[in-house]
């Protein structure tokens, strides 16, 4: 039997390839960052060609680190930053524009016009999503309208659209496919039919001819060429759904929160596509082969780990991201300051593209250590808001939160999160559950793992944190956070 399953984890700031064994243990990995391109305030782009080059490099790096060759891999799964949008020419595979990243807010005016007829939730019944700059559909329309000749070429079928997993799978196999989880983030797919919807395509202005085929999250899409010659590409999930799968949240009511560039909490709702009344998203959690889809409620936070990166790179107050933990731990609180990182607006539960970031409560007493702690608390408070919305929609009170992602290595943040929630926080041994979920999906498709019960048996706890902050103090600080959020609204001149 093959030794490993590979996962390509193409994230917002970097690309990784990880090799997993039968126990779900990491055996080798390689990682490479790519450029963040900011043409204007609120605009974020990536070079899709650079990303593909990096994908090939990290695959080669992981194979070398694991002393493995393609024949040692049973399959490869792909997971990706979700709504990030690529359009390329089918003839030569070259993108017509930089990829427009999920955080990008350039489509705010377009989204505002769409909302004039029927409101922000006019498409929610079909898509589970509010009208927002976050999603892929408006990004596609913007690119078609701004790149000369693009709309006509797309209508002819000369251009192909994809989120990043589609771009990677096309380059690996030549097949133009997306999975249901990524398709559910476009504002173009009907949640019930799992198909592109003509009415939605007409409203957003996207030609059907450029869209990929929608397939389950776990099935064989084709055999790879090049650096993975002959390996079956057999799984694809958007990164947050991949983390839900990697955390083995297979039963309705099970939830996880991933702390990466952004923060994302998903709750498995089973066969029911629960419509949120509290600012959450209804999304496809995953679909295995010919089985029925599993749905989820999601709370999305735009800025989490990227705030630490900004604190490091733009302010220069720390040398490495890891330094923030010791600096923040050197003080007992934030000195009364709060950091609301609405760099490109606020996501759940507000969905306000007009919001912009703010640091409030500054006094001469505040030091860089207090600011560092406020940076960590910003993520914890945002997660608290999402948890409250999820409690309201599901009617189920959170008893413990499963966490994963790179930021969970920060033990102080995990303690702050437990304090802010008033609930225990639990971290698994393998925190790279996004990549693990993609590996699990691919492994199930080819029989490397026989069933979901086997995957659940792999899950092991690494550490947990219990609340230590008194309830009255927790609520007092939460009230101040909510007040700080209000200061960020109605700020952007073009929203």
Protein backbone atom coordinates (compact mmCIF):
# COMPACT_ATOMS: atom_id res chain seq x y z
CA UNK A 1 0.00 0.00 0.00
CA UNK A 2 1.13 3.58 -0.70
CA UNK A 3 2.95 5.22 2.16
CA UNK A 4 1.33 8.68 2.16
CA UNK A 5 -1.47 10.99 1.16
CA UNK A 6 -0.36 14.45 0.04
CA UNK A 7 -2.23 17.68 0.63
CA UNK A 8 -1.67 20.95 -1.20
CA UNK A 9 -2.76 23.76 1.11
CA UNK A 10 -2.87 26.99 -0.88
CA UNK A 11 -3.51 29.75 1.64
CA UNK A 12 -3.76 33.52 1.59
CA UNK A 13 -0.13 34.19 2.43
CA UNK A 14 1.65 30.94 1.54
CA UNK A 15 1.42 27.53 -0.10
CA UNK A 16 2.28 24.26 1.61
CA UNK A 17 2.49 20.62 0.69
CA UNK A 18 2.19 18.14 3.55
CA UNK A 19 2.56 14.35 3.51
CA UNK A 20 0.35 12.45 5.98
CA UNK A 21 0.51 8.79 7.00
CA UNK A 22 -2.34 6.43 7.97
CA UNK A 23 -2.51 7.86 11.49
CA UNK A 24 -3.00 11.37 10.15
CA UNK A 25 0.50 12.29 11.33
CA UNK A 26 2.61 14.78 9.39
CA UNK A 27 5.64 13.05 7.87
CA UNK A 28 7.06 15.83 5.71
CA UNK A 29 6.18 19.33 4.56
CA UNK A 30 7.41 22.32 2.61
CA UNK A 31 6.11 25.89 2.54
CA UNK A 32 6.62 29.02 0.44
CA UNK A 33 5.16 32.52 0.82
CA UNK A 34 3.86 34.57 -2.09
CA UNK A 35 3.54 38.31 -2.58
CA UNK A 36 0.63 40.34 -1.26
CA UNK A 37 -0.25 43.02 -3.83
CA UNK A 38 -2.14 46.15 -2.69
CA UNK A 39 -2.87 48.36 -5.74
CA UNK A 40 -5.18 50.70 -3.78
CA UNK A 41 -6.59 50.92 -0.25
CA UNK A 42 -9.01 48.03 0.26
CA UNK A 43 -7.71 46.15 -2.82
CA UNK A 44 -5.80 42.87 -2.43
CA UNK A 45 -4.35 40.79 -5.28
CA UNK A 46 -2.17 37.72 -5.84
CA UNK A 47 -0.19 36.59 -8.88
CA UNK A 48 -1.82 33.27 -9.81
CA UNK A 49 1.18 32.28 -11.95
CA UNK A 50 3.46 32.81 -8.95
CA UNK A 51 1.15 30.65 -6.85
CA UNK A 52 1.29 27.81 -9.39
CA UNK A 53 5.10 28.05 -9.46
CA UNK A 54 5.11 27.84 -5.66
CA UNK A 55 2.74 24.84 -5.70
CA UNK A 56 5.21 22.92 -7.84
CA UNK A 57 8.12 23.98 -5.61
CA UNK A 58 6.49 22.88 -2.34
CA UNK A 59 5.42 19.55 -3.82
CA UNK A 60 9.03 18.87 -4.81
CA UNK A 61 10.20 20.11 -1.39
CA UNK A 62 7.83 17.88 0.57
CA UNK A 63 8.73 14.83 -1.50
CA UNK A 64 12.41 15.51 -0.91
CA UNK A 65 11.90 16.07 2.83
CA UNK A 66 9.95 12.83 3.09
CA UNK A 67 12.43 10.90 0.93
CA UNK A 68 9.44 10.02 -1.23
CA UNK A 69 8.54 9.95 -4.90
CA UNK A 70 5.15 10.29 -6.61
CA UNK A 71 4.72 6.49 -6.61
CA UNK A 72 4.68 6.61 -2.78
CA UNK A 73 1.51 8.72 -2.80
CA UNK A 74 -1.94 7.12 -2.87
CA UNK A 75 -3.52 10.44 -3.86
CA UNK A 76 -3.34 14.20 -3.42
CA UNK A 77 -6.03 16.54 -2.08
CA UNK A 78 -6.22 20.29 -2.58
CA UNK A 79 -7.48 22.94 -0.20
CA UNK A 80 -7.50 26.65 -0.87
CA UNK A 81 -8.21 30.21 0.13
CA UNK A 82 -11.77 30.18 -1.03
CA UNK A 83 -13.33 33.19 -2.76
CA UNK A 84 -10.09 34.36 -4.36
CA UNK A 85 -10.85 34.63 -8.08
CA UNK A 86 -8.72 33.71 -11.10
CA UNK A 87 -9.64 34.06 -14.79
CA UNK A 88 -7.31 32.63 -17.41
CA UNK A 89 -7.17 31.94 -21.12
CA UNK A 90 -7.88 28.32 -21.94
CA UNK A 91 -5.55 28.41 -24.95
CA UNK A 92 -2.33 29.24 -23.10
CA UNK A 93 -3.23 29.02 -19.40
CA UNK A 94 -2.23 32.61 -18.70
CA UNK A 95 -4.32 34.70 -16.24
CA UNK A 96 -5.85 37.85 -17.72
CA UNK A 97 -5.41 39.77 -14.44
CA UNK A 98 -3.98 39.27 -10.99
CA UNK A 99 -6.18 37.08 -8.82
CA UNK A 100 -8.62 39.16 -6.76
CA UNK A 101 -8.34 38.00 -3.15
CA UNK A 102 -11.27 37.21 -0.86
CA UNK A 103 -10.40 40.20 1.36
CA UNK A 104 -10.61 42.63 -1.56
CA UNK A 105 -13.33 45.32 -1.33
CA UNK A 106 -13.19 46.83 -4.86
CA UNK A 107 -16.65 45.50 -5.76
CA UNK A 108 -18.37 47.50 -3.00
CA UNK A 109 -20.15 49.86 -5.41
CA UNK A 110 -21.32 46.94 -7.58
CA UNK A 111 -22.57 45.04 -4.54
CA UNK A 112 -24.35 48.17 -3.30
CA UNK A 113 -26.22 48.51 -6.59
CA UNK A 114 -27.23 44.85 -6.50
CA UNK A 115 -28.60 45.37 -3.00
CA UNK A 116 -30.74 48.33 -4.07
CA UNK A 117 -33.26 45.88 -5.53
CA UNK A 118 -34.25 43.54 -2.71
CA UNK A 119 -31.67 44.37 -0.07
CA UNK A 120 -28.44 42.73 1.03
CA UNK A 121 -30.18 39.37 1.50
CA UNK A 122 -31.93 39.23 -1.89
CA UNK A 123 -29.94 36.15 -2.95
CA UNK A 124 -29.72 34.47 0.47
CA UNK A 125 -32.62 32.04 -0.07
CA UNK A 126 -30.79 30.42 -3.00
CA UNK A 127 -27.17 30.91 -2.00
CA UNK A 128 -27.14 31.11 1.80
CA UNK A 129 -25.04 34.26 1.45
CA UNK A 130 -25.56 38.00 1.81
CA UNK A 131 -24.48 40.32 -0.97
CA UNK A 132 -20.90 41.21 -0.02
CA UNK A 133 -17.55 41.98 -1.62
CA UNK A 134 -16.24 38.76 -0.04
CA UNK A 135 -17.68 36.40 -2.64
CA UNK A 136 -16.38 35.40 -6.07
CA UNK A 137 -19.28 36.32 -8.38
CA UNK A 138 -18.88 40.11 -8.23
CA UNK A 139 -15.09 39.72 -8.55
CA UNK A 140 -15.61 37.79 -11.80
CA UNK A 141 -17.97 40.46 -13.15
CA UNK A 142 -15.53 43.25 -12.21
CA UNK A 143 -12.67 41.53 -14.06
CA UNK A 144 -14.80 40.89 -17.15
CA UNK A 145 -15.82 44.54 -17.26
CA UNK A 146 -12.37 46.01 -16.57
CA UNK A 147 -10.16 43.86 -18.82
CA UNK A 148 -10.63 44.81 -22.46
CA UNK A 149 -12.41 42.14 -24.49
CA UNK A 150 -12.77 39.81 -21.52
CA UNK A 151 -16.57 39.67 -21.38
CA UNK A 152 -16.89 38.72 -25.05
CA UNK A 153 -14.10 36.14 -24.73
CA UNK A 154 -15.79 34.63 -21.67
CA UNK A 155 -19.11 34.33 -23.48
CA UNK A 156 -17.31 32.46 -26.31
CA UNK A 157 -15.83 30.04 -23.78
CA UNK A 158 -12.26 31.24 -24.38
CA UNK A 159 -11.78 32.22 -20.72
CA UNK A 160 -12.02 29.98 -17.67
CA UNK A 161 -12.93 31.02 -14.14
CA UNK A 162 -11.80 29.26 -11.03
CA UNK A 163 -11.14 29.68 -7.38
CA UNK A 164 -7.62 28.62 -6.48
CA UNK A 165 -8.32 24.88 -6.19
CA UNK A 166 -9.76 24.94 -9.72
CA UNK A 167 -6.64 26.75 -10.97
CA UNK A 168 -4.39 24.15 -9.32
CA UNK A 169 -6.40 21.11 -10.48
CA UNK A 170 -6.53 22.48 -14.04
CA UNK A 171 -2.76 22.94 -14.06
CA UNK A 172 -2.23 19.46 -12.58
CA UNK A 173 -4.72 17.50 -14.68
CA UNK A 174 -6.13 19.71 -17.43
CA UNK A 175 -9.65 19.22 -16.05
CA UNK A 176 -11.80 22.29 -15.28
CA UNK A 177 -13.63 21.42 -12.05
CA UNK A 178 -14.55 22.91 -8.70
CA UNK A 179 -16.00 21.23 -5.64
CA UNK A 180 -19.33 22.02 -3.99
CA UNK A 181 -17.76 23.85 -1.04
CA UNK A 182 -15.94 26.36 -3.22
CA UNK A 183 -18.86 26.70 -5.63
CA UNK A 184 -21.10 27.56 -2.69
CA UNK A 185 -18.97 30.70 -2.08
CA UNK A 186 -19.54 32.35 -5.46
CA UNK A 187 -23.12 33.69 -5.15
CA UNK A 188 -23.70 31.68 -8.34
CA UNK A 189 -24.58 28.18 -7.06
CA UNK A 190 -28.00 27.08 -5.84
CA UNK A 191 -27.53 25.45 -2.43
CA UNK A 192 -30.33 22.94 -3.00
CA UNK A 193 -29.51 21.81 -6.55
CA UNK A 194 -25.71 22.14 -6.19
CA UNK A 195 -25.69 23.58 -9.71
CA UNK A 196 -24.96 26.92 -11.32
CA UNK A 197 -28.22 28.89 -11.32
CA UNK A 198 -29.28 30.83 -14.43
CA UNK A 199 -31.09 33.51 -12.42
CA UNK A 200 -28.02 34.10 -10.25
CA UNK A 201 -25.72 34.19 -13.29
CA UNK A 202 -27.98 36.80 -14.85
CA UNK A 203 -28.14 38.97 -11.73
CA UNK A 204 -24.36 38.97 -11.17
CA UNK A 205 -23.49 39.06 -14.89
CA UNK A 206 -21.35 35.94 -15.34
CA UNK A 207 -21.40 33.82 -18.54
CA UNK A 208 -22.03 30.12 -17.89
CA UNK A 209 -19.45 29.11 -20.53
CA UNK A 210 -16.53 30.12 -18.30
CA UNK A 211 -17.61 28.18 -15.21
CA UNK A 212 -16.09 24.87 -14.05
CA UNK A 213 -17.99 21.63 -13.54
CA UNK A 214 -19.21 21.26 -9.94
CA UNK A 215 -18.19 17.95 -8.32
CA UNK A 216 -18.20 16.36 -4.82
CA UNK A 217 -15.38 17.17 -2.41
CA UNK A 218 -14.11 13.59 -2.32
CA UNK A 219 -13.73 11.81 -5.66
CA UNK A 220 -11.02 11.18 -8.26
CA UNK A 221 -10.84 14.18 -10.60
CA UNK A 222 -7.96 12.88 -12.72
CA UNK A 223 -4.29 11.91 -12.77
CA UNK A 224 -1.64 14.57 -12.30
CA UNK A 225 1.09 15.48 -14.76
CA UNK A 226 4.53 16.94 -14.10
CA UNK A 227 5.88 17.00 -10.57
CA UNK A 228 3.15 14.58 -9.36
CA UNK A 229 3.14 12.45 -12.51
CA UNK A 230 0.45 9.76 -12.30
CA UNK A 231 -0.84 10.62 -8.80
CA UNK A 232 -4.63 10.73 -8.48
CA UNK A 233 -6.04 14.16 -7.63
CA UNK A 234 -8.92 13.00 -5.48
CA UNK A 235 -10.09 15.67 -3.05
CA UNK A 236 -10.87 19.38 -2.94
CA UNK A 237 -12.39 21.57 -0.26
CA UNK A 238 -12.31 25.24 0.57
CA UNK A 239 -9.93 25.75 3.46
CA UNK A 240 -12.50 26.20 6.21
CA UNK A 241 -14.61 23.26 5.14
CA UNK A 242 -11.39 21.25 4.93
CA UNK A 243 -10.67 22.16 8.55
CA UNK A 244 -14.18 21.04 9.54
CA UNK A 245 -13.44 17.72 7.83
CA UNK A 246 -9.96 17.50 9.34
CA UNK A 247 -11.39 18.09 12.82
CA UNK A 248 -13.77 15.19 12.05
CA UNK A 249 -16.86 17.29 12.80
CA UNK A 250 -19.05 14.75 11.02
CA UNK A 251 -22.12 14.99 13.27
CA UNK A 252 -24.69 17.83 13.34
CA UNK A 253 -23.87 20.21 16.19
CA UNK A 254 -20.10 19.71 16.04
CA UNK A 255 -18.11 22.92 15.45
CA UNK A 256 -14.56 24.13 14.93
CA UNK A 257 -12.80 27.48 14.63
CA UNK A 258 -9.74 27.97 12.45
CA UNK A 259 -7.28 30.76 13.24
CA UNK A 260 -5.31 31.66 10.13
CA UNK A 261 -5.12 34.79 8.01
CA UNK A 262 -8.76 35.24 8.97
CA UNK A 263 -10.85 33.45 11.57
CA UNK A 264 -13.58 31.01 10.61
CA UNK A 265 -16.04 29.06 12.73
CA UNK A 266 -18.17 26.33 11.15
CA UNK A 267 -21.02 24.35 12.69
CA UNK A 268 -22.17 21.11 11.05
CA UNK A 269 -25.95 21.31 10.45
CA UNK A 270 -26.26 17.97 8.65
CA UNK A 271 -28.75 17.66 5.81
CA UNK A 272 -30.35 21.03 6.68
CA UNK A 273 -29.16 24.20 4.97
CA UNK A 274 -30.08 26.39 7.95
CA UNK A 275 -30.77 30.00 6.96
CA UNK A 276 -29.11 32.42 9.36
CA UNK A 277 -30.94 35.32 10.98
CA UNK A 278 -27.84 36.50 12.83
CA UNK A 279 -25.36 37.48 10.13
CA UNK A 280 -23.86 34.04 9.48
CA UNK A 281 -23.40 32.21 6.18
CA UNK A 282 -25.10 29.02 5.06
CA UNK A 283 -22.59 26.94 3.14
CA UNK A 284 -21.87 23.42 1.95
CA UNK A 285 -19.70 21.69 4.55
CA UNK A 286 -18.61 18.80 2.30
CA UNK A 287 -19.89 16.07 -0.01
CA UNK A 288 -18.32 12.63 -0.30
CA UNK A 289 -18.76 10.86 -3.62
CA UNK A 290 -22.40 10.22 -4.45
CA UNK A 291 -23.63 10.88 -0.90
CA UNK A 292 -25.91 13.76 0.03
CA UNK A 293 -24.20 17.05 0.88
CA UNK A 294 -23.58 18.08 4.48
CA UNK A 295 -24.30 21.75 5.23
CA UNK A 296 -22.81 24.15 7.76
CA UNK A 297 -23.31 27.55 9.33
CA UNK A 298 -20.22 29.75 9.16
CA UNK A 299 -19.03 32.86 10.87
CA UNK A 300 -16.24 34.54 8.87
CA UNK A 301 -13.73 37.03 10.30
CA UNK A 302 -11.63 38.84 7.71
CA UNK A 303 -8.57 39.65 9.82
CA UNK A 304 -6.99 37.43 12.48
CA UNK A 305 -3.44 36.17 11.90
CA UNK A 306 -2.93 38.80 9.20
CA UNK A 307 -3.20 41.43 11.95
CA UNK A 308 -0.12 39.95 13.63
CA UNK A 309 1.64 40.04 10.25
CA UNK A 310 0.61 43.70 9.81
CA UNK A 311 1.81 44.50 13.36
CA UNK A 312 5.18 42.95 12.41
CA UNK A 313 5.63 44.23 8.87
CA UNK A 314 3.86 47.61 8.79
CA UNK A 315 4.54 48.85 12.32
CA UNK A 316 7.79 46.97 12.92
CA UNK A 317 6.94 46.45 16.61
CA UNK A 318 8.03 42.78 16.58
CA UNK A 319 10.68 40.97 14.57
CA UNK A 320 8.80 37.69 14.07
CA UNK A 321 5.16 36.73 14.45
CA UNK A 322 6.02 34.35 17.30
CA UNK A 323 7.42 37.24 19.39
CA UNK A 324 3.97 38.67 19.97
CA UNK A 325 3.09 36.06 22.59
CA UNK A 326 5.88 36.93 25.03
CA UNK A 327 5.40 40.67 24.44
CA UNK A 328 1.64 40.48 25.06
CA UNK A 329 2.16 38.25 28.12
CA UNK A 330 4.39 40.91 29.71
CA UNK A 331 1.28 42.93 30.62
CA UNK A 332 -1.92 41.81 32.32
CA UNK A 333 -4.34 43.62 30.00
CA UNK A 334 -4.47 46.02 27.06
CA UNK A 335 -4.29 49.16 29.19
CA UNK A 336 -7.82 49.99 28.06
CA UNK A 337 -7.14 50.02 24.30
CA UNK A 338 -8.97 48.00 21.67
CA UNK A 339 -7.93 47.22 18.10
CA UNK A 340 -10.72 46.62 15.56
CA UNK A 341 -8.99 45.38 12.38
CA UNK A 342 -11.62 46.35 9.79
CA UNK A 343 -8.99 46.84 7.09
CA UNK A 344 -11.41 45.92 4.28
CA UNK A 345 -14.65 46.15 6.20
CA UNK A 346 -16.18 43.80 8.76
CA UNK A 347 -17.47 40.30 8.01
CA UNK A 348 -19.75 38.30 10.33
CA UNK A 349 -21.99 39.23 11.97
CA UNK A 350 -21.93 42.82 10.59
CA UNK A 351 -21.18 42.55 6.84
CA UNK A 352 -20.20 46.21 6.66
CA UNK A 353 -17.84 47.02 3.79
CA UNK A 354 -17.87 50.67 4.90
CA UNK A 355 -15.99 49.89 8.14
CA UNK A 356 -12.28 50.64 8.50
CA UNK A 357 -9.78 49.72 11.18
CA UNK A 358 -9.37 51.65 14.42
CA UNK A 359 -7.36 51.59 17.62
CA UNK A 360 -9.39 53.23 20.37
CA UNK A 361 -8.78 53.99 24.03
CA UNK A 362 -5.18 55.13 23.58
CA UNK A 363 -3.52 56.97 26.46
CA UNK A 364 0.08 57.81 27.25
CA UNK A 365 0.10 54.74 29.51
CA UNK A 366 -0.24 52.33 26.55
CA UNK A 367 2.96 50.61 25.40
CA UNK A 368 3.75 48.33 22.48
CA UNK A 369 3.10 45.41 24.86
CA UNK A 370 -0.46 46.65 25.45
CA UNK A 371 -0.92 47.02 21.70
CA UNK A 372 0.38 43.49 21.19
CA UNK A 373 -2.18 42.17 23.65
CA UNK A 374 -4.92 44.19 21.93
CA UNK A 375 -3.93 42.56 18.64
CA UNK A 376 -4.49 39.09 20.14
CA UNK A 377 -7.69 40.13 21.90
CA UNK A 378 -9.07 41.46 18.59
CA UNK A 379 -9.26 37.91 17.27
CA UNK A 380 -10.78 36.57 20.49
CA UNK A 381 -13.51 39.22 20.63
CA UNK A 382 -14.42 38.70 17.00
CA UNK A 383 -14.78 34.95 17.62
CA UNK A 384 -17.00 35.72 20.62
CA UNK A 385 -19.36 37.70 18.36
CA UNK A 386 -19.55 34.79 15.91
CA UNK A 387 -20.21 32.27 18.69
CA UNK A 388 -23.11 34.38 19.97
CA UNK A 389 -24.60 34.53 16.47
CA UNK A 390 -24.19 30.77 16.09
CA UNK A 391 -25.87 30.13 19.44
CA UNK A 392 -28.81 32.28 18.33
CA UNK A 393 -29.21 30.53 14.96
CA UNK A 394 -28.70 26.96 16.14
CA UNK A 395 -30.31 27.19 19.57
CA UNK A 396 -27.37 25.20 20.94
CA UNK A 397 -25.11 26.75 23.58
CA UNK A 398 -21.40 26.20 22.98
CA UNK A 399 -19.85 23.92 25.60
CA UNK A 400 -16.32 23.70 24.16
CA UNK A 401 -14.58 25.02 21.07
CA UNK A 402 -12.32 22.87 18.87
CA UNK A 403 -9.59 25.09 17.45
CA UNK A 404 -6.95 24.73 14.76
CA UNK A 405 -4.71 26.76 12.47
CA UNK A 406 -1.35 28.43 12.90
CA UNK A 407 -2.43 30.96 15.52
CA UNK A 408 -3.43 28.20 17.95
CA UNK A 409 0.28 27.63 18.64
CA UNK A 410 -0.02 30.86 20.65
CA UNK A 411 -0.97 29.56 24.09
CA UNK A 412 -1.73 33.04 25.42
CA UNK A 413 -4.25 33.64 22.66
CA UNK A 414 -5.94 30.34 23.47
CA UNK A 415 -6.24 31.33 27.15
CA UNK A 416 -7.60 34.75 26.16
CA UNK A 417 -10.12 32.98 23.89
CA UNK A 418 -11.33 30.76 26.72
CA UNK A 419 -11.61 33.80 29.00
CA UNK A 420 -13.54 35.80 26.41
CA UNK A 421 -15.96 32.94 25.63
CA UNK A 422 -16.40 31.64 29.14
CA UNK A 423 -16.01 28.16 27.61
CA UNK A 424 -13.16 25.65 27.31
CA UNK A 425 -10.95 25.70 24.21
CA UNK A 426 -9.50 22.41 22.91
CA UNK A 427 -6.55 22.05 20.50
CA UNK A 428 -5.82 18.77 18.64
CA UNK A 429 -2.35 17.27 18.23
CA UNK A 430 -2.40 18.04 14.50
CA UNK A 431 -3.31 21.74 14.23
CA UNK A 432 -2.85 21.77 10.45
CA UNK A 433 -6.37 20.43 10.06
CA UNK A 434 -6.99 22.34 6.82
CA UNK A 435 -4.38 20.26 5.01
CA UNK A 436 -5.44 17.18 6.96
CA UNK A 437 -9.05 17.59 5.77
CA UNK A 438 -7.93 17.73 2.14
CA UNK A 439 -5.83 14.62 2.71
CA UNK A 440 -8.76 12.84 4.36
CA UNK A 441 -11.07 13.67 1.42
CA UNK A 442 -8.54 12.35 -1.10
CA UNK A 443 -7.72 9.29 1.00
CA UNK A 444 -11.37 8.29 1.35
CA UNK A 445 -11.84 8.59 -2.42
CA UNK A 446 -9.10 6.05 -3.15
CA UNK A 447 -9.57 3.75 -0.15
CA UNK A 448 -6.45 4.80 1.76
CA UNK A 449 -8.82 5.24 4.71
CA UNK A 450 -11.92 3.00 4.68
CA UNK A 451 -14.47 5.27 6.35
CA UNK A 452 -15.12 8.36 8.47
CA UNK A 453 -15.03 6.32 11.70
CA UNK A 454 -11.37 5.57 11.01
CA UNK A 455 -10.68 9.26 10.60
CA UNK A 456 -12.49 10.09 13.86
CA UNK A 457 -10.30 7.57 15.68
CA UNK A 458 -7.23 9.53 14.51
CA UNK A 459 -8.32 12.71 16.35
CA UNK A 460 -6.29 13.30 19.53
CA UNK A 461 -6.31 16.18 22.00
CA UNK A 462 -3.10 18.13 22.56
CA UNK A 463 -4.12 20.79 25.09
CA UNK A 464 -7.11 22.59 26.55
CA UNK A 465 -7.73 25.93 28.28
CA UNK A 466 -10.43 26.78 30.79
CA UNK A 467 -11.83 30.27 31.52
CA UNK A 468 -10.05 32.19 34.28
CA UNK A 469 -11.51 35.70 33.84
CA UNK A 470 -14.44 36.54 36.17
CA UNK A 471 -17.74 36.76 34.31
CA UNK A 472 -18.46 40.37 35.28
CA UNK A 473 -15.07 41.53 34.00
CA UNK A 474 -15.51 39.51 30.80
CA UNK A 475 -18.83 41.21 30.08
CA UNK A 476 -17.48 44.67 30.95
CA UNK A 477 -14.63 44.27 28.46
CA UNK A 478 -16.98 42.84 25.84
CA UNK A 479 -19.15 45.93 26.16
CA UNK A 480 -16.12 48.12 25.49
CA UNK A 481 -15.24 45.99 22.45
CA UNK A 482 -18.76 46.46 21.03
CA UNK A 483 -18.40 50.19 21.58
CA UNK A 484 -15.07 50.17 19.73
CA UNK A 485 -16.64 48.34 16.77
CA UNK A 486 -19.25 51.07 16.42
CA UNK A 487 -16.44 53.61 15.96
CA UNK A 488 -15.29 51.84 12.78
CA UNK A 489 -18.59 51.96 10.89
CA UNK A 490 -19.57 54.32 8.08
CA UNK A 491 -15.97 55.38 7.51
CA UNK A 492 -15.00 54.35 3.96
CA UNK A 493 -15.85 57.03 1.41
CA UNK A 494 -16.73 54.46 -1.28
CA UNK A 495 -18.71 51.61 0.25
